[in-house]
Amino acid sequence: MLKGYALSILPVVLITILLRIGDRLPEAILTICVVISFVVLVGGVLYRLVKFNLKCELEADEFATELVGADAMIKAVKKISEYHEIPVKTPKWFNVIYSHPSIEERIKNLRISQAKNEKAQNM
């Protein structure tokens, strides 16, 4: 978690350094470096928002598993994927672009949640 915050601060540090040594750099190079730093900063913020949204979606699935059971949720997720023609297997970048986890990841997490629930009931 600390690594993510450090990466978020990096562009700000770079911009500060560039502004301090800006009088010694050609204006075009300074502008390019500031723009790249800004893009990295905005990209990092957007990435964190997407990751937060994915976490919320998976927590909602886990809560639903407690209510109706993992088998019913897996069946529902598969039906939704068929209805909307979403492939079950998707590339890794899928979770970065879309606001919902991939079907494959949701099913995997539903099974993990089921195992946790069964373990808690057996104790």
Protein backbone atom coordinates (compact mmCIF):
# COMPACT_ATOMS: atom_id res chain seq x y z
CA MET A 1 0.00 0.00 0.00
CA LEU A 2 2.84 2.39 0.82
CA LYS A 3 4.34 1.70 -2.60
CA GLY A 4 1.18 3.02 -4.27
CA TYR A 5 1.33 6.27 -2.32
CA ALA A 6 5.03 6.67 -3.09
CA LEU A 7 4.29 6.28 -6.79
CA SER A 8 1.51 8.86 -6.51
CA ILE A 9 3.91 11.39 -4.98
CA LEU A 10 6.68 10.76 -7.53
CA PRO A 11 5.25 13.01 -10.29
CA VAL A 12 4.80 15.88 -7.81
CA VAL A 13 8.43 15.52 -6.73
CA LEU A 14 9.56 15.43 -10.37
CA ILE A 15 7.58 18.56 -11.22
CA THR A 16 9.06 20.37 -8.20
CA ILE A 17 12.61 19.41 -9.19
CA LEU A 18 12.00 20.39 -12.81
CA LEU A 19 10.65 23.78 -11.81
CA ARG A 20 13.71 24.42 -9.62
CA ILE A 21 16.19 23.56 -12.39
CA GLY A 22 13.95 24.88 -15.14
CA ASP A 23 16.11 27.89 -15.91
CA ARG A 24 18.95 25.55 -16.85
CA LEU A 25 16.88 23.34 -19.18
CA PRO A 26 15.57 24.19 -22.64
CA GLU A 27 11.89 25.16 -22.46
CA ALA A 28 10.73 22.29 -24.70
CA ILE A 29 12.37 19.62 -22.51
CA LEU A 30 10.96 21.20 -19.36
CA THR A 31 7.46 21.28 -20.88
CA ILE A 32 7.65 17.66 -21.99
CA CYS A 33 8.83 16.51 -18.55
CA VAL A 34 6.08 18.44 -16.75
CA VAL A 35 3.40 17.05 -19.10
CA ILE A 36 4.67 13.48 -18.66
CA SER A 37 4.72 13.90 -14.87
CA PHE A 38 1.17 15.27 -14.93
CA VAL A 39 -0.04 12.36 -17.09
CA VAL A 40 1.58 9.87 -14.70
CA LEU A 41 -0.09 11.59 -11.73
CA VAL A 42 -3.55 11.59 -13.34
CA GLY A 43 -3.10 8.01 -14.54
CA GLY A 44 -2.16 6.90 -11.04
CA VAL A 45 -5.26 8.53 -9.55
CA LEU A 46 -7.53 6.96 -12.16
CA TYR A 47 -5.92 3.56 -11.61
CA ARG A 48 -6.55 3.82 -7.85
CA LEU A 49 -10.21 4.69 -8.48
CA VAL A 50 -10.67 1.67 -10.75
CA LYS A 51 -8.99 -0.62 -8.19
CA PHE A 52 -11.25 0.75 -5.45
CA ASN A 53 -14.32 0.10 -7.61
CA LEU A 54 -13.17 -3.47 -8.33
CA LYS A 55 -12.68 -4.07 -4.62
CA CYS A 56 -16.22 -2.84 -3.91
CA GLU A 57 -17.63 -5.14 -6.61
CA LEU A 58 -15.85 -8.16 -5.14
CA GLU A 59 -17.04 -7.27 -1.63
CA ALA A 60 -20.61 -7.04 -2.95
CA ASP A 61 -20.22 -10.51 -4.48
CA GLU A 62 -18.92 -11.82 -1.16
CA PHE A 63 -21.90 -10.33 0.69
CA ALA A 64 -24.31 -11.86 -1.83
CA THR A 65 -22.59 -15.22 -1.37
CA GLU A 66 -23.36 -15.06 2.34
CA LEU A 67 -27.04 -14.43 1.52
CA VAL A 68 -27.77 -16.85 -1.33
CA GLY A 69 -24.71 -19.10 -1.49
CA ALA A 70 -21.79 -19.32 -3.87
CA ASP A 71 -23.41 -21.81 -6.25
CA ALA A 72 -26.36 -19.49 -6.91
CA MET A 73 -24.04 -16.52 -7.37
CA ILE A 74 -21.76 -18.43 -9.77
CA LYS A 75 -24.81 -19.47 -11.77
CA ALA A 76 -26.06 -15.85 -11.83
CA VAL A 77 -22.69 -14.45 -12.88
CA LYS A 78 -22.45 -17.00 -15.71
CA LYS A 79 -25.97 -16.12 -16.88
CA ILE A 80 -25.13 -12.43 -16.87
CA SER A 81 -21.98 -13.10 -18.89
CA GLU A 82 -23.95 -15.14 -21.43
CA TYR A 83 -26.72 -12.55 -21.70
CA HIS A 84 -24.31 -9.65 -22.22
CA GLU A 85 -21.87 -11.78 -24.27
CA ILE A 86 -18.98 -11.19 -21.88
CA PRO A 87 -16.28 -13.85 -22.20
CA VAL A 88 -15.50 -15.81 -19.05
CA LYS A 89 -11.74 -15.67 -19.70
CA THR A 90 -10.35 -12.20 -20.34
CA PRO A 91 -6.84 -10.72 -20.48
CA LYS A 92 -5.24 -9.17 -17.39
CA TRP A 93 -5.81 -5.60 -18.65
CA PHE A 94 -9.59 -6.20 -18.55
CA ASN A 95 -9.77 -5.30 -14.85
CA VAL A 96 -7.89 -2.06 -15.46
CA ILE A 97 -10.23 -0.79 -18.17
CA TYR A 98 -13.62 -2.02 -16.98
CA SER A 99 -15.38 -1.13 -13.75
CA HIS A 100 -16.29 -4.75 -12.98
CA PRO A 101 -13.94 -7.67 -12.36
CA SER A 102 -13.69 -10.31 -15.04
CA ILE A 103 -16.13 -13.21 -14.83
CA GLU A 104 -13.25 -15.59 -14.20
CA GLU A 105 -12.01 -13.49 -11.27
CA ARG A 106 -15.52 -13.14 -9.83
CA ILE A 107 -16.08 -16.91 -9.93
CA LYS A 108 -12.66 -17.53 -8.33
CA ASN A 109 -13.44 -15.06 -5.54
CA LEU A 110 -16.91 -16.54 -5.04
CA ARG A 111 -15.36 -19.98 -4.50
CA ILE A 112 -12.85 -18.50 -2.05
CA SER A 113 -15.71 -16.79 -0.22
CA GLN A 114 -17.63 -20.07 -0.13
CA ALA A 115 -14.64 -21.84 1.41
CA LYS A 116 -14.33 -19.08 4.06
CA ASN A 117 -18.04 -19.35 4.89
CA GLU A 118 -17.86 -23.14 5.20
CA LYS A 119 -14.78 -22.89 7.39
CA ALA A 120 -16.50 -20.34 9.65
CA GLN A 121 -19.59 -22.55 9.97
CA ASN A 122 -17.50 -25.59 10.92
CA MET A 123 -15.80 -23.77 13.81
